[in-house]
Amino acid sequence: MTISVTRIGHPIIRRIYTEIKLRNLTLEDVAKRSGVSRGTLWEWRKRAVGRLTDVEAVMGAVGLVLVVVEAPPSTTKDTGEDG
C-alpha cells in the first residue's frame, strides 16, 4: 500500500509520514520496527499526536530523532513565576 503524506495533523506526524514514504516503508514495517500498532499509526493521520514515547519509537524506526532546543527569547512567555 502506498502511503500518502497527510496534509492535516501535527507537523511531527507529517514529517514521520514523509520519511515513511521516502524510505518506501509500509505502516506494517514501521509498526514492527517501533512496537506501535498499525492502527495507532493510521489514527495519527486524523487526530492529535499520541503518547510521546510512541512518537519517539516511531521516529527511531524511520531514522529520525526528536531533539529539544531552547526557544529564542522572543518566543518564550514570561509567566512571572520562578523556576
N, C-alpha and C. Protein backbone atom coordinates (compact mmCIF):
# COMPACT_ATOMS: atom_id res chain seq x y z
N MET A 1 0.84 -1.17 0.00
CA MET A 1 0.00 0.00 0.00
C MET A 1 0.89 1.25 0.00
N THR A 2 0.58 2.20 -0.87
CA THR A 2 1.32 3.45 -0.93
C THR A 2 0.85 4.36 0.19
N ILE A 3 1.79 4.94 0.89
CA ILE A 3 1.48 5.86 1.99
C ILE A 3 1.47 7.27 1.43
N SER A 4 0.37 7.97 1.65
CA SER A 4 0.33 9.37 1.25
C SER A 4 0.67 10.23 2.47
N VAL A 5 1.30 11.36 2.20
CA VAL A 5 1.66 12.26 3.28
C VAL A 5 0.44 13.08 3.63
N THR A 6 0.08 13.05 4.89
CA THR A 6 -1.10 13.77 5.35
C THR A 6 -0.87 15.27 5.32
N ARG A 7 -1.89 16.00 4.99
CA ARG A 7 -1.78 17.47 4.97
C ARG A 7 -2.39 18.08 6.22
N ILE A 8 -2.95 17.24 7.05
CA ILE A 8 -3.51 17.72 8.31
C ILE A 8 -2.74 17.09 9.44
N GLY A 9 -3.01 17.52 10.63
CA GLY A 9 -2.35 16.93 11.78
C GLY A 9 -1.09 17.68 12.18
N HIS A 10 -0.47 17.17 13.18
CA HIS A 10 0.71 17.79 13.77
C HIS A 10 1.90 17.73 12.81
N PRO A 11 2.74 18.77 12.78
CA PRO A 11 3.91 18.77 11.89
C PRO A 11 4.86 17.59 12.10
N ILE A 12 4.99 17.12 13.32
CA ILE A 12 5.85 15.96 13.57
C ILE A 12 5.29 14.73 12.87
N ILE A 13 3.99 14.55 12.93
CA ILE A 13 3.36 13.40 12.27
C ILE A 13 3.51 13.53 10.76
N ARG A 14 3.35 14.72 10.23
CA ARG A 14 3.55 14.91 8.79
C ARG A 14 4.99 14.57 8.40
N ARG A 15 5.95 14.93 9.24
CA ARG A 15 7.35 14.62 8.96
C ARG A 15 7.59 13.12 9.01
N ILE A 16 7.00 12.45 9.97
CA ILE A 16 7.13 10.99 10.06
C ILE A 16 6.59 10.35 8.79
N TYR A 17 5.40 10.77 8.35
CA TYR A 17 4.81 10.19 7.15
C TYR A 17 5.63 10.49 5.90
N THR A 18 6.25 11.67 5.85
CA THR A 18 7.14 11.99 4.73
C THR A 18 8.30 11.01 4.70
N GLU A 19 8.88 10.74 5.86
CA GLU A 19 10.02 9.83 5.94
C GLU A 19 9.61 8.40 5.58
N ILE A 20 8.43 7.98 6.03
CA ILE A 20 7.94 6.65 5.68
C ILE A 20 7.86 6.52 4.16
N LYS A 21 7.32 7.53 3.52
CA LYS A 21 7.18 7.49 2.06
C LYS A 21 8.55 7.51 1.38
N LEU A 22 9.45 8.38 1.83
CA LEU A 22 10.78 8.48 1.22
C LEU A 22 11.56 7.17 1.33
N ARG A 23 11.35 6.46 2.41
CA ARG A 23 12.07 5.19 2.63
C ARG A 23 11.31 3.98 2.10
N ASN A 24 10.19 4.24 1.42
CA ASN A 24 9.38 3.16 0.84
C ASN A 24 8.98 2.11 1.88
N LEU A 25 8.58 2.58 3.05
CA LEU A 25 8.14 1.69 4.11
C LEU A 25 6.63 1.58 4.10
N THR A 26 6.12 0.53 4.69
CA THR A 26 4.69 0.39 4.91
C THR A 26 4.41 0.64 6.38
N LEU A 27 3.14 0.85 6.72
CA LEU A 27 2.80 1.01 8.13
C LEU A 27 3.11 -0.26 8.90
N GLU A 28 2.99 -1.39 8.24
CA GLU A 28 3.33 -2.67 8.89
C GLU A 28 4.82 -2.71 9.23
N ASP A 29 5.68 -2.24 8.29
CA ASP A 29 7.12 -2.18 8.55
C ASP A 29 7.40 -1.34 9.79
N VAL A 30 6.82 -0.16 9.80
CA VAL A 30 7.06 0.78 10.90
C VAL A 30 6.51 0.24 12.21
N ALA A 31 5.35 -0.39 12.16
CA ALA A 31 4.75 -0.98 13.37
C ALA A 31 5.67 -2.05 13.95
N LYS A 32 6.21 -2.91 13.10
CA LYS A 32 7.11 -3.97 13.58
C LYS A 32 8.38 -3.39 14.18
N ARG A 33 8.95 -2.39 13.52
CA ARG A 33 10.20 -1.79 13.98
C ARG A 33 10.03 -0.99 15.26
N SER A 34 8.88 -0.36 15.43
CA SER A 34 8.68 0.56 16.54
C SER A 34 7.95 -0.04 17.74
N GLY A 35 7.15 -1.08 17.49
CA GLY A 35 6.33 -1.64 18.55
C GLY A 35 5.02 -0.89 18.75
N VAL A 36 4.75 0.07 17.86
CA VAL A 36 3.50 0.84 17.89
C VAL A 36 2.56 0.23 16.86
N SER A 37 1.33 0.00 17.22
CA SER A 37 0.42 -0.71 16.32
C SER A 37 0.14 0.06 15.03
N ARG A 38 -0.15 -0.69 13.98
CA ARG A 38 -0.50 -0.10 12.69
C ARG A 38 -1.73 0.79 12.85
N GLY A 39 -2.68 0.35 13.65
CA GLY A 39 -3.89 1.14 13.88
C GLY A 39 -3.59 2.50 14.50
N THR A 40 -2.67 2.52 15.45
CA THR A 40 -2.26 3.79 16.06
C THR A 40 -1.63 4.69 15.03
N LEU A 41 -0.74 4.13 14.22
CA LEU A 41 -0.09 4.92 13.17
C LEU A 41 -1.12 5.51 12.21
N TRP A 42 -2.11 4.72 11.86
CA TRP A 42 -3.15 5.19 10.94
C TRP A 42 -3.97 6.31 11.58
N GLU A 43 -4.29 6.15 12.85
CA GLU A 43 -5.10 7.16 13.55
C GLU A 43 -4.37 8.49 13.67
N TRP A 44 -3.07 8.47 13.75
CA TRP A 44 -2.32 9.72 13.83
C TRP A 44 -2.57 10.62 12.64
N ARG A 45 -2.95 10.05 11.53
CA ARG A 45 -3.22 10.85 10.34
C ARG A 45 -4.46 11.73 10.51
N LYS A 46 -5.34 11.34 11.43
CA LYS A 46 -6.63 12.01 11.56
C LYS A 46 -6.83 12.75 12.88
N ARG A 47 -5.92 12.57 13.82
CA ARG A 47 -6.14 13.20 15.13
C ARG A 47 -4.81 13.67 15.70
N ALA A 48 -4.86 14.18 16.90
CA ALA A 48 -3.67 14.71 17.56
C ALA A 48 -2.62 13.61 17.77
N VAL A 49 -1.43 14.05 18.03
CA VAL A 49 -0.31 13.15 18.27
C VAL A 49 -0.58 12.29 19.49
N GLY A 50 -0.10 11.08 19.45
CA GLY A 50 -0.25 10.16 20.57
C GLY A 50 0.77 10.40 21.66
N ARG A 51 1.02 9.38 22.41
CA ARG A 51 1.98 9.47 23.52
C ARG A 51 3.38 9.76 23.00
N LEU A 52 4.11 10.55 23.73
CA LEU A 52 5.46 10.92 23.33
C LEU A 52 6.35 9.70 23.15
N THR A 53 6.20 8.71 24.01
CA THR A 53 7.03 7.51 23.89
C THR A 53 6.76 6.79 22.57
N ASP A 54 5.50 6.77 22.13
CA ASP A 54 5.17 6.15 20.84
C ASP A 54 5.75 6.96 19.69
N VAL A 55 5.63 8.28 19.78
CA VAL A 55 6.17 9.15 18.72
C VAL A 55 7.67 8.93 18.60
N GLU A 56 8.37 8.90 19.73
CA GLU A 56 9.82 8.68 19.71
C GLU A 56 10.17 7.32 19.13
N ALA A 57 9.41 6.29 19.48
CA ALA A 57 9.67 4.95 18.96
C ALA A 57 9.51 4.91 17.44
N VAL A 58 8.46 5.54 16.95
CA VAL A 58 8.20 5.56 15.50
C VAL A 58 9.27 6.39 14.79
N MET A 59 9.63 7.51 15.38
CA MET A 59 10.68 8.33 14.76
C MET A 59 11.98 7.53 14.65
N GLY A 60 12.33 6.81 15.70
CA GLY A 60 13.53 5.98 15.65
C GLY A 60 13.44 4.90 14.59
N ALA A 61 12.26 4.35 14.40
CA ALA A 61 12.05 3.29 13.42
C ALA A 61 12.22 3.78 11.99
N VAL A 62 12.05 5.08 11.77
CA VAL A 62 12.19 5.62 10.42
C VAL A 62 13.45 6.48 10.28
N GLY A 63 14.33 6.40 11.27
CA GLY A 63 15.61 7.09 11.17
C GLY A 63 15.60 8.55 11.61
N LEU A 64 14.64 8.93 12.43
CA LEU A 64 14.56 10.29 12.93
C LEU A 64 14.77 10.30 14.43
N VAL A 65 15.09 11.46 14.97
CA VAL A 65 15.23 11.62 16.41
C VAL A 65 14.60 12.95 16.79
N LEU A 66 13.95 12.97 17.93
CA LEU A 66 13.34 14.19 18.44
C LEU A 66 14.36 14.91 19.31
N VAL A 67 14.59 16.18 19.02
CA VAL A 67 15.56 16.97 19.75
C VAL A 67 14.87 18.21 20.32
N VAL A 68 15.16 18.51 21.57
CA VAL A 68 14.60 19.69 22.21
C VAL A 68 15.69 20.76 22.24
N VAL A 69 15.32 21.94 21.77
CA VAL A 69 16.26 23.07 21.79
C VAL A 69 15.60 24.25 22.49
N GLU A 70 16.42 25.11 23.03
CA GLU A 70 15.91 26.28 23.72
C GLU A 70 15.30 27.24 22.71
N ALA A 71 14.12 27.75 23.05
CA ALA A 71 13.44 28.70 22.17
C ALA A 71 14.13 30.06 22.23
N PRO A 72 14.11 30.77 21.11
CA PRO A 72 14.65 32.14 21.13
C PRO A 72 13.87 32.99 22.13
N PRO A 73 14.51 33.98 22.75
CA PRO A 73 13.84 34.79 23.77
C PRO A 73 12.53 35.42 23.31
N SER A 74 12.41 35.75 22.05
CA SER A 74 11.20 36.41 21.58
C SER A 74 9.98 35.49 21.56
N THR A 75 10.18 34.17 21.66
CA THR A 75 9.06 33.23 21.60
C THR A 75 8.68 32.66 22.95
N THR A 76 9.46 32.95 23.98
CA THR A 76 9.14 32.40 25.30
C THR A 76 8.23 33.37 26.05
N LYS A 77 7.29 32.80 26.76
CA LYS A 77 6.37 33.61 27.55
C LYS A 77 6.89 33.75 28.96
N ASP A 78 6.84 34.94 29.48
CA ASP A 78 7.20 35.18 30.86
C ASP A 78 5.95 35.00 31.70
N THR A 79 5.92 33.95 32.50
CA THR A 79 4.74 33.68 33.33
C THR A 79 4.80 34.41 34.65
N GLY A 80 5.95 35.04 34.92
CA GLY A 80 6.08 35.75 36.18
C GLY A 80 6.38 34.82 37.35
N GLU A 81 6.58 33.53 37.05
CA GLU A 81 6.87 32.56 38.07
C GLU A 81 8.34 32.19 38.02
N ASP A 82 8.92 31.91 39.15
CA ASP A 82 10.29 31.43 39.20
C ASP A 82 10.29 29.94 38.92
N GLY A 83 11.37 29.50 38.25
CA GLY A 83 11.54 28.07 38.10
C GLY A 83 11.31 27.58 36.78
